[in-house]
């Protein structure tokens, strides 16, 4: 596909991402419980108690970090402008832009890659012009009418 239509697609906090983090948190809590109540050679040994405490602390730290990462997920709009040409004399048409919810100014993207494609949701790796990177989940439920246009633009921009 050469010239996909221009598309504006909203992205934000992904419900699937929250479920995935919750599942990983539940599995780590299960491992902690197994360490806590599992068979031990000597229940009053310092080693077994310190392992249980370390597992509990690690589980708590991970849960806080996971919740914080989900809350801080980038929210904004991905824009594919098929009429603009890329910089530096590249004949390929089309430019990806990022627009934050707080900032109405479009920021050109140096790189946009599909890392995981689950048909109804995609994990995208985004590199901004200022060299910062982001991981963005795009879901079909955000704009079902434009979902196929977004997928076409992603394929078009890779060629």
N, C-alpha and C. Protein backbone atom coordinates (compact mmCIF):
# COMPACT_ATOMS: atom_id res chain seq x y z
N UNK A 1 0.85 -1.17 0.00
CA UNK A 1 0.00 0.00 0.00
C UNK A 1 0.89 1.23 0.00
N UNK A 2 0.69 2.11 -0.95
CA UNK A 2 1.57 3.27 -1.07
C UNK A 2 1.06 4.48 -0.32
N UNK A 3 -0.09 4.96 -0.63
CA UNK A 3 -0.57 6.20 -0.04
C UNK A 3 -1.84 5.96 0.77
N UNK A 4 -1.66 5.61 2.02
CA UNK A 4 -2.81 5.43 2.91
C UNK A 4 -3.41 6.79 3.19
N UNK A 5 -4.71 6.84 3.45
CA UNK A 5 -5.35 8.12 3.74
C UNK A 5 -4.84 8.70 5.06
N UNK A 6 -4.91 10.01 5.16
CA UNK A 6 -4.55 10.66 6.42
C UNK A 6 -5.50 10.18 7.51
N UNK A 7 -4.96 10.04 8.71
CA UNK A 7 -5.78 9.54 9.81
C UNK A 7 -5.38 10.25 11.10
N UNK A 8 -6.36 10.49 11.93
CA UNK A 8 -6.16 11.03 13.27
C UNK A 8 -6.78 10.02 14.23
N UNK A 9 -5.95 9.44 15.11
CA UNK A 9 -6.45 8.37 15.96
C UNK A 9 -6.10 8.64 17.43
N UNK A 10 -7.11 8.62 18.30
CA UNK A 10 -6.84 8.86 19.73
C UNK A 10 -6.25 7.63 20.40
N UNK A 11 -5.28 7.84 21.26
CA UNK A 11 -4.70 6.76 22.06
C UNK A 11 -4.65 7.22 23.51
N UNK A 12 -4.71 6.27 24.41
CA UNK A 12 -4.68 6.61 25.83
C UNK A 12 -4.45 5.38 26.67
N UNK A 13 -4.97 5.41 27.87
CA UNK A 13 -4.81 4.27 28.76
C UNK A 13 -5.58 3.08 28.21
N UNK A 14 -4.91 1.98 28.14
CA UNK A 14 -5.46 0.76 27.54
C UNK A 14 -5.99 -0.17 28.63
N UNK A 15 -7.23 -0.59 28.47
CA UNK A 15 -7.84 -1.51 29.42
C UNK A 15 -7.11 -2.86 29.41
N UNK A 16 -6.70 -3.30 28.22
CA UNK A 16 -5.96 -4.56 28.11
C UNK A 16 -4.64 -4.47 28.88
N UNK A 17 -3.97 -3.35 28.81
CA UNK A 17 -2.73 -3.14 29.54
C UNK A 17 -2.98 -3.24 31.04
N UNK A 18 -4.07 -2.66 31.52
CA UNK A 18 -4.42 -2.74 32.94
C UNK A 18 -4.68 -4.20 33.34
N UNK A 19 -5.42 -4.93 32.52
CA UNK A 19 -5.69 -6.34 32.81
C UNK A 19 -4.40 -7.15 32.82
N UNK A 20 -3.51 -6.88 31.88
CA UNK A 20 -2.24 -7.59 31.81
C UNK A 20 -1.40 -7.32 33.06
N UNK A 21 -1.34 -6.07 33.49
CA UNK A 21 -0.60 -5.74 34.71
C UNK A 21 -1.25 -6.40 35.93
N UNK A 22 -2.57 -6.42 35.97
CA UNK A 22 -3.28 -7.07 37.08
C UNK A 22 -3.01 -8.56 37.13
N UNK A 23 -2.99 -9.20 35.97
CA UNK A 23 -2.70 -10.64 35.91
C UNK A 23 -1.28 -10.93 36.38
N UNK A 24 -0.32 -10.14 35.92
CA UNK A 24 1.06 -10.32 36.37
C UNK A 24 1.19 -10.08 37.87
N UNK A 25 0.46 -9.09 38.37
CA UNK A 25 0.47 -8.82 39.81
C UNK A 25 -0.12 -9.97 40.61
N UNK A 26 -1.21 -10.54 40.10
CA UNK A 26 -1.83 -11.68 40.79
C UNK A 26 -0.90 -12.89 40.79
N UNK A 27 -0.22 -13.12 39.67
CA UNK A 27 0.72 -14.24 39.61
C UNK A 27 1.89 -14.04 40.57
N UNK A 28 2.39 -12.81 40.66
CA UNK A 28 3.50 -12.57 41.59
C UNK A 28 3.04 -12.69 43.04
N UNK A 29 1.79 -12.28 43.33
CA UNK A 29 1.25 -12.45 44.68
C UNK A 29 1.08 -13.93 45.01
N UNK A 30 0.69 -14.72 44.00
CA UNK A 30 0.57 -16.17 44.21
C UNK A 30 1.93 -16.79 44.52
N UNK A 31 2.95 -16.37 43.80
CA UNK A 31 4.30 -16.87 44.08
C UNK A 31 4.72 -16.48 45.49
N UNK A 32 4.40 -15.25 45.89
CA UNK A 32 4.74 -14.82 47.25
C UNK A 32 4.03 -15.68 48.29
N UNK A 33 2.75 -15.96 48.05
CA UNK A 33 2.01 -16.80 48.99
C UNK A 33 2.59 -18.20 49.06
N UNK A 34 3.00 -18.73 47.91
CA UNK A 34 3.61 -20.06 47.91
C UNK A 34 4.92 -20.06 48.68
N UNK A 35 5.68 -18.99 48.56
CA UNK A 35 6.92 -18.89 49.34
C UNK A 35 6.63 -18.76 50.83
N UNK A 36 5.54 -18.08 51.16
CA UNK A 36 5.21 -17.83 52.56
C UNK A 36 4.69 -19.09 53.25
N UNK A 37 3.81 -19.83 52.58
CA UNK A 37 3.20 -20.98 53.24
C UNK A 37 3.73 -22.31 52.74
N UNK A 38 4.66 -22.27 51.80
CA UNK A 38 5.19 -23.50 51.24
C UNK A 38 6.00 -24.28 52.26
N UNK A 39 6.34 -25.52 51.91
CA UNK A 39 7.14 -26.35 52.85
C UNK A 39 8.53 -25.77 53.04
N UNK A 40 8.95 -25.76 54.27
CA UNK A 40 10.28 -25.26 54.61
C UNK A 40 10.98 -26.26 55.52
N UNK A 41 12.27 -26.24 55.45
CA UNK A 41 13.04 -27.18 56.28
C UNK A 41 12.91 -26.80 57.76
N UNK A 42 13.07 -25.55 58.07
CA UNK A 42 12.96 -25.08 59.45
C UNK A 42 12.20 -23.76 59.42
N UNK A 43 10.96 -23.76 59.93
CA UNK A 43 10.12 -22.56 59.81
C UNK A 43 10.67 -21.33 60.53
N UNK A 44 11.51 -21.49 61.50
CA UNK A 44 11.99 -20.33 62.24
C UNK A 44 13.37 -19.88 61.78
N UNK A 45 13.82 -20.35 60.64
CA UNK A 45 15.12 -19.94 60.14
C UNK A 45 15.06 -18.50 59.63
N UNK A 46 16.15 -17.82 59.78
CA UNK A 46 16.25 -16.45 59.30
C UNK A 46 16.09 -16.37 57.79
N UNK A 47 16.66 -17.34 57.09
CA UNK A 47 16.62 -17.35 55.62
C UNK A 47 15.19 -17.39 55.09
N UNK A 48 14.37 -18.26 55.60
CA UNK A 48 13.00 -18.40 55.09
C UNK A 48 12.18 -17.15 55.37
N UNK A 49 12.35 -16.58 56.55
CA UNK A 49 11.61 -15.35 56.87
C UNK A 49 12.07 -14.17 56.01
N UNK A 50 13.37 -14.07 55.80
CA UNK A 50 13.86 -12.96 54.98
C UNK A 50 13.45 -13.12 53.52
N UNK A 51 13.39 -14.34 53.02
CA UNK A 51 12.91 -14.57 51.65
C UNK A 51 11.45 -14.18 51.51
N UNK A 52 10.64 -14.53 52.49
CA UNK A 52 9.22 -14.17 52.46
C UNK A 52 9.05 -12.66 52.51
N UNK A 53 9.80 -12.01 53.36
CA UNK A 53 9.73 -10.55 53.46
C UNK A 53 10.21 -9.89 52.18
N UNK A 54 11.28 -10.39 51.59
CA UNK A 54 11.79 -9.84 50.34
C UNK A 54 10.78 -10.02 49.21
N UNK A 55 10.14 -11.18 49.15
CA UNK A 55 9.12 -11.42 48.13
C UNK A 55 7.93 -10.49 48.32
N UNK A 56 7.52 -10.27 49.56
CA UNK A 56 6.40 -9.38 49.84
C UNK A 56 6.74 -7.94 49.44
N UNK A 57 7.92 -7.49 49.76
CA UNK A 57 8.35 -6.13 49.41
C UNK A 57 8.45 -5.99 47.89
N UNK A 58 9.02 -6.97 47.24
CA UNK A 58 9.15 -6.92 45.77
C UNK A 58 7.78 -6.89 45.11
N UNK A 59 6.85 -7.67 45.62
CA UNK A 59 5.49 -7.69 45.07
C UNK A 59 4.83 -6.32 45.25
N UNK A 60 5.00 -5.72 46.40
CA UNK A 60 4.42 -4.40 46.66
C UNK A 60 5.03 -3.31 45.80
N UNK A 61 6.35 -3.34 45.67
CA UNK A 61 7.04 -2.36 44.82
C UNK A 61 6.61 -2.52 43.37
N UNK A 62 6.53 -3.77 42.91
CA UNK A 62 6.11 -4.01 41.54
C UNK A 62 4.69 -3.52 41.31
N UNK A 63 3.78 -3.77 42.25
CA UNK A 63 2.39 -3.34 42.10
C UNK A 63 2.30 -1.81 42.02
N UNK A 64 3.07 -1.12 42.85
CA UNK A 64 3.07 0.35 42.81
C UNK A 64 3.64 0.85 41.49
N UNK A 65 4.73 0.26 41.04
CA UNK A 65 5.33 0.68 39.77
C UNK A 65 4.40 0.40 38.60
N UNK A 66 3.71 -0.73 38.61
CA UNK A 66 2.78 -1.07 37.53
C UNK A 66 1.61 -0.09 37.50
N UNK A 67 1.05 0.21 38.65
CA UNK A 67 -0.06 1.16 38.72
C UNK A 67 0.39 2.55 38.26
N UNK A 68 1.56 2.96 38.67
CA UNK A 68 2.08 4.26 38.27
C UNK A 68 2.35 4.32 36.76
N UNK A 69 2.87 3.25 36.20
CA UNK A 69 3.13 3.24 34.76
C UNK A 69 1.83 3.31 33.97
N UNK A 70 0.79 2.65 34.47
CA UNK A 70 -0.50 2.70 33.76
C UNK A 70 -1.12 4.09 33.85
N UNK A 71 -1.04 4.70 35.03
CA UNK A 71 -1.60 6.05 35.21
C UNK A 71 -0.85 7.06 34.35
N UNK A 72 0.46 6.86 34.18
CA UNK A 72 1.27 7.79 33.39
C UNK A 72 1.34 7.42 31.91
N UNK A 73 0.53 6.48 31.48
CA UNK A 73 0.51 6.11 30.06
C UNK A 73 0.23 7.35 29.22
N UNK A 74 0.95 7.50 28.10
CA UNK A 74 0.73 8.68 27.27
C UNK A 74 -0.69 8.70 26.70
N UNK A 75 -1.29 9.86 26.75
CA UNK A 75 -2.60 10.07 26.17
C UNK A 75 -2.49 11.19 25.15
N UNK A 76 -3.04 10.95 23.99
CA UNK A 76 -2.97 11.96 22.95
C UNK A 76 -3.56 11.44 21.66
N UNK A 77 -3.01 11.93 20.57
CA UNK A 77 -3.53 11.59 19.25
C UNK A 77 -2.36 11.28 18.33
N UNK A 78 -2.46 10.15 17.63
CA UNK A 78 -1.51 9.83 16.57
C UNK A 78 -2.07 10.37 15.26
N UNK A 79 -1.25 11.08 14.52
CA UNK A 79 -1.69 11.69 13.27
C UNK A 79 -0.80 11.18 12.14
N UNK A 80 -1.41 10.64 11.11
CA UNK A 80 -0.70 10.28 9.89
C UNK A 80 -1.13 11.27 8.83
N UNK A 81 -0.19 12.09 8.40
CA UNK A 81 -0.47 13.07 7.35
C UNK A 81 0.17 12.57 6.07
N UNK A 82 -0.65 12.08 5.18
CA UNK A 82 -0.12 11.46 3.96
C UNK A 82 0.33 12.48 2.92
N UNK A 83 0.02 13.74 3.13
CA UNK A 83 0.38 14.78 2.16
C UNK A 83 1.78 15.35 2.40
N UNK A 84 2.25 15.30 3.62
CA UNK A 84 3.57 15.86 3.93
C UNK A 84 4.67 14.88 3.52
N UNK A 85 5.80 15.44 3.15
CA UNK A 85 6.96 14.62 2.83
C UNK A 85 7.88 14.60 4.04
N UNK A 86 8.59 13.52 4.18
CA UNK A 86 9.56 13.42 5.26
C UNK A 86 10.74 14.34 4.99
N UNK A 87 11.44 14.68 6.04
CA UNK A 87 12.60 15.57 5.93
C UNK A 87 13.77 14.86 5.26
N UNK A 88 14.78 15.60 4.96
CA UNK A 88 16.06 15.12 4.44
C UNK A 88 15.94 14.49 3.05
N UNK A 89 15.07 15.01 2.22
CA UNK A 89 15.00 14.60 0.83
C UNK A 89 14.44 13.21 0.59
N UNK A 90 13.83 12.59 1.59
CA UNK A 90 13.24 11.27 1.42
C UNK A 90 12.00 11.39 0.54
N UNK A 91 11.93 10.68 -0.56
CA UNK A 91 10.79 10.82 -1.47
C UNK A 91 9.51 10.19 -0.93
N UNK A 92 9.62 9.43 0.14
CA UNK A 92 8.43 8.78 0.68
C UNK A 92 7.45 9.81 1.22
N UNK A 93 6.20 9.64 0.88
CA UNK A 93 5.18 10.56 1.35
C UNK A 93 4.64 10.09 2.69
N UNK A 94 4.27 11.04 3.49
CA UNK A 94 3.63 10.74 4.76
C UNK A 94 4.53 10.97 5.96
N UNK A 95 3.93 11.52 7.00
CA UNK A 95 4.65 11.82 8.23
C UNK A 95 3.74 11.47 9.41
N UNK A 96 4.32 10.81 10.40
CA UNK A 96 3.61 10.56 11.65
C UNK A 96 3.86 11.72 12.60
N UNK A 97 2.80 12.14 13.27
CA UNK A 97 2.88 13.22 14.25
C UNK A 97 2.22 12.77 15.55
N UNK A 98 2.67 13.35 16.65
CA UNK A 98 2.10 13.07 17.98
C UNK A 98 1.57 14.36 18.56
N UNK A 99 0.36 14.31 19.07
CA UNK A 99 -0.26 15.47 19.71
C UNK A 99 -0.72 15.06 21.11
N UNK A 100 -0.11 15.67 22.13
CA UNK A 100 -0.52 15.42 23.52
C UNK A 100 -1.90 16.02 23.77
N UNK A 101 -2.56 15.53 24.81
CA UNK A 101 -3.84 16.13 25.18
C UNK A 101 -3.64 17.53 25.76
N UNK A 102 -2.51 17.73 26.44
CA UNK A 102 -2.26 19.02 27.06
C UNK A 102 -1.66 20.04 26.09
N UNK A 103 -1.02 19.55 25.02
CA UNK A 103 -0.34 20.43 24.09
C UNK A 103 -0.96 20.24 22.70
N UNK A 104 -1.47 21.31 22.12
CA UNK A 104 -2.12 21.21 20.82
C UNK A 104 -1.13 21.17 19.66
N UNK A 105 0.15 21.32 19.96
CA UNK A 105 1.17 21.36 18.92
C UNK A 105 1.59 19.95 18.51
N UNK A 106 1.67 19.72 17.21
CA UNK A 106 2.08 18.41 16.69
C UNK A 106 3.59 18.26 16.75
N UNK A 107 4.05 17.10 17.22
CA UNK A 107 5.47 16.80 17.29
C UNK A 107 5.74 15.68 16.27
N UNK A 108 6.67 15.90 15.33
CA UNK A 108 6.96 14.84 14.36
C UNK A 108 7.64 13.65 15.04
N UNK A 109 7.31 12.46 14.56
CA UNK A 109 7.90 11.24 15.09
C UNK A 109 9.04 10.78 14.20
N UNK A 110 10.15 10.43 14.82
CA UNK A 110 11.28 9.88 14.06
C UNK A 110 11.01 8.42 13.70
N UNK A 111 10.33 7.73 14.58
CA UNK A 111 10.12 6.31 14.38
C UNK A 111 8.80 5.88 15.01
N UNK A 112 8.08 5.04 14.32
CA UNK A 112 6.85 4.43 14.85
C UNK A 112 6.82 2.99 14.38
N UNK A 113 6.85 2.07 15.34
CA UNK A 113 6.89 0.64 15.02
C UNK A 113 5.78 -0.10 15.73
N UNK A 114 5.19 -1.05 15.02
CA UNK A 114 4.25 -1.98 15.63
C UNK A 114 5.08 -3.08 16.28
N UNK A 115 5.00 -3.20 17.58
CA UNK A 115 5.76 -4.21 18.30
C UNK A 115 4.91 -5.46 18.51
N UNK A 116 3.65 -5.25 18.86
CA UNK A 116 2.73 -6.35 19.12
C UNK A 116 1.40 -6.00 18.48
N UNK A 117 0.90 -6.88 17.64
CA UNK A 117 -0.37 -6.64 16.95
C UNK A 117 -1.34 -7.75 17.32
N UNK A 118 -2.37 -7.40 18.08
CA UNK A 118 -3.38 -8.36 18.52
C UNK A 118 -4.71 -8.14 17.81
N UNK A 119 -4.68 -7.53 16.64
CA UNK A 119 -5.83 -7.24 15.78
C UNK A 119 -6.75 -6.15 16.35
N UNK A 120 -7.20 -6.25 17.60
CA UNK A 120 -8.05 -5.22 18.19
C UNK A 120 -7.27 -4.21 19.02
N UNK A 121 -6.00 -4.47 19.21
CA UNK A 121 -5.13 -3.55 19.96
C UNK A 121 -3.70 -3.78 19.50
N UNK A 122 -2.91 -2.72 19.58
CA UNK A 122 -1.51 -2.81 19.16
C UNK A 122 -0.63 -2.07 20.16
N UNK A 123 0.54 -2.63 20.39
CA UNK A 123 1.55 -1.97 21.18
C UNK A 123 2.51 -1.31 20.19
N UNK A 124 2.66 0.01 20.32
CA UNK A 124 3.49 0.78 19.39
C UNK A 124 4.69 1.37 20.13
N UNK A 125 5.83 1.34 19.46
CA UNK A 125 7.04 1.97 19.96
C UNK A 125 7.21 3.27 19.21
N UNK A 126 7.29 4.36 19.95
CA UNK A 126 7.34 5.70 19.35
C UNK A 126 8.61 6.40 19.79
N UNK A 127 9.33 6.96 18.82
CA UNK A 127 10.50 7.78 19.13
C UNK A 127 10.22 9.18 18.62
N UNK A 128 10.21 10.15 19.54
CA UNK A 128 9.93 11.54 19.19
C UNK A 128 11.18 12.22 18.66
N UNK A 129 10.98 13.38 18.07
CA UNK A 129 12.10 14.13 17.49
C UNK A 129 13.13 14.54 18.54
N UNK A 130 12.70 14.72 19.79
CA UNK A 130 13.63 15.12 20.84
C UNK A 130 14.32 13.91 21.48
N UNK A 131 14.27 12.76 20.83
CA UNK A 131 14.94 11.51 21.22
C UNK A 131 14.29 10.80 22.40
N UNK A 132 13.17 11.30 22.91
CA UNK A 132 12.47 10.55 23.95
C UNK A 132 11.64 9.45 23.29
N UNK A 133 11.45 8.37 24.03
CA UNK A 133 10.70 7.24 23.50
C UNK A 133 9.47 6.97 24.36
N UNK A 134 8.48 6.36 23.74
CA UNK A 134 7.25 6.02 24.44
C UNK A 134 6.73 4.69 23.92
N UNK A 135 6.03 4.02 24.79
CA UNK A 135 5.30 2.82 24.41
C UNK A 135 3.82 3.19 24.49
N UNK A 136 3.11 2.99 23.40
CA UNK A 136 1.71 3.41 23.32
C UNK A 136 0.85 2.22 22.93
N UNK A 137 -0.24 2.06 23.64
CA UNK A 137 -1.24 1.06 23.28
C UNK A 137 -2.32 1.76 22.48
N UNK A 138 -2.62 1.24 21.31
CA UNK A 138 -3.74 1.74 20.50
C UNK A 138 -4.81 0.65 20.49
N UNK A 139 -6.04 1.04 20.78
CA UNK A 139 -7.13 0.08 20.84
C UNK A 139 -8.22 0.44 19.84
N UNK A 140 -8.83 -0.59 19.31
CA UNK A 140 -9.91 -0.39 18.35
C UNK A 140 -11.10 0.33 18.99
N UNK A 141 -11.35 0.08 20.27
CA UNK A 141 -12.52 0.66 20.93
C UNK A 141 -12.47 2.19 21.03
N UNK A 142 -11.26 2.77 20.88
CA UNK A 142 -11.14 4.23 20.95
C UNK A 142 -11.81 4.92 19.77
N UNK A 143 -11.74 4.33 18.59
CA UNK A 143 -12.38 4.88 17.39
C UNK A 143 -12.54 3.76 16.36
N UNK A 144 -13.57 2.93 16.52
CA UNK A 144 -13.72 1.77 15.64
C UNK A 144 -13.82 2.13 14.15
N UNK A 145 -14.38 3.28 13.84
CA UNK A 145 -14.54 3.67 12.44
C UNK A 145 -13.20 3.97 11.77
N UNK A 146 -12.21 4.41 12.52
CA UNK A 146 -10.91 4.78 11.96
C UNK A 146 -9.83 3.73 12.19
N UNK A 147 -10.18 2.61 12.83
CA UNK A 147 -9.19 1.59 13.17
C UNK A 147 -8.48 1.04 11.94
N UNK A 148 -9.24 0.69 10.92
CA UNK A 148 -8.64 0.13 9.71
C UNK A 148 -7.76 1.17 9.00
N UNK A 149 -8.16 2.44 9.07
CA UNK A 149 -7.33 3.50 8.48
C UNK A 149 -5.98 3.59 9.20
N UNK A 150 -6.01 3.47 10.53
CA UNK A 150 -4.76 3.49 11.30
C UNK A 150 -3.87 2.31 10.89
N UNK A 151 -4.44 1.14 10.77
CA UNK A 151 -3.66 -0.03 10.38
C UNK A 151 -3.08 0.13 8.97
N UNK A 152 -3.86 0.69 8.06
CA UNK A 152 -3.35 0.94 6.70
C UNK A 152 -2.20 1.93 6.73
N UNK A 153 -2.34 2.97 7.52
CA UNK A 153 -1.27 3.98 7.61
C UNK A 153 0.00 3.38 8.20
N UNK A 154 -0.13 2.50 9.17
CA UNK A 154 1.05 1.84 9.76
C UNK A 154 1.76 0.99 8.71
N UNK A 155 1.01 0.27 7.90
CA UNK A 155 1.62 -0.54 6.84
C UNK A 155 2.24 0.35 5.79
N UNK A 156 1.54 1.40 5.42
CA UNK A 156 2.04 2.34 4.39
C UNK A 156 3.33 3.02 4.82
N UNK A 157 3.44 3.36 6.07
CA UNK A 157 4.61 4.10 6.54
C UNK A 157 5.85 3.22 6.63
N UNK A 158 5.70 1.92 6.60
CA UNK A 158 6.85 1.00 6.68
C UNK A 158 7.52 0.80 5.34
N UNK A 159 6.81 1.07 4.25
CA UNK A 159 7.39 0.83 2.93
C UNK A 159 8.25 1.97 2.47
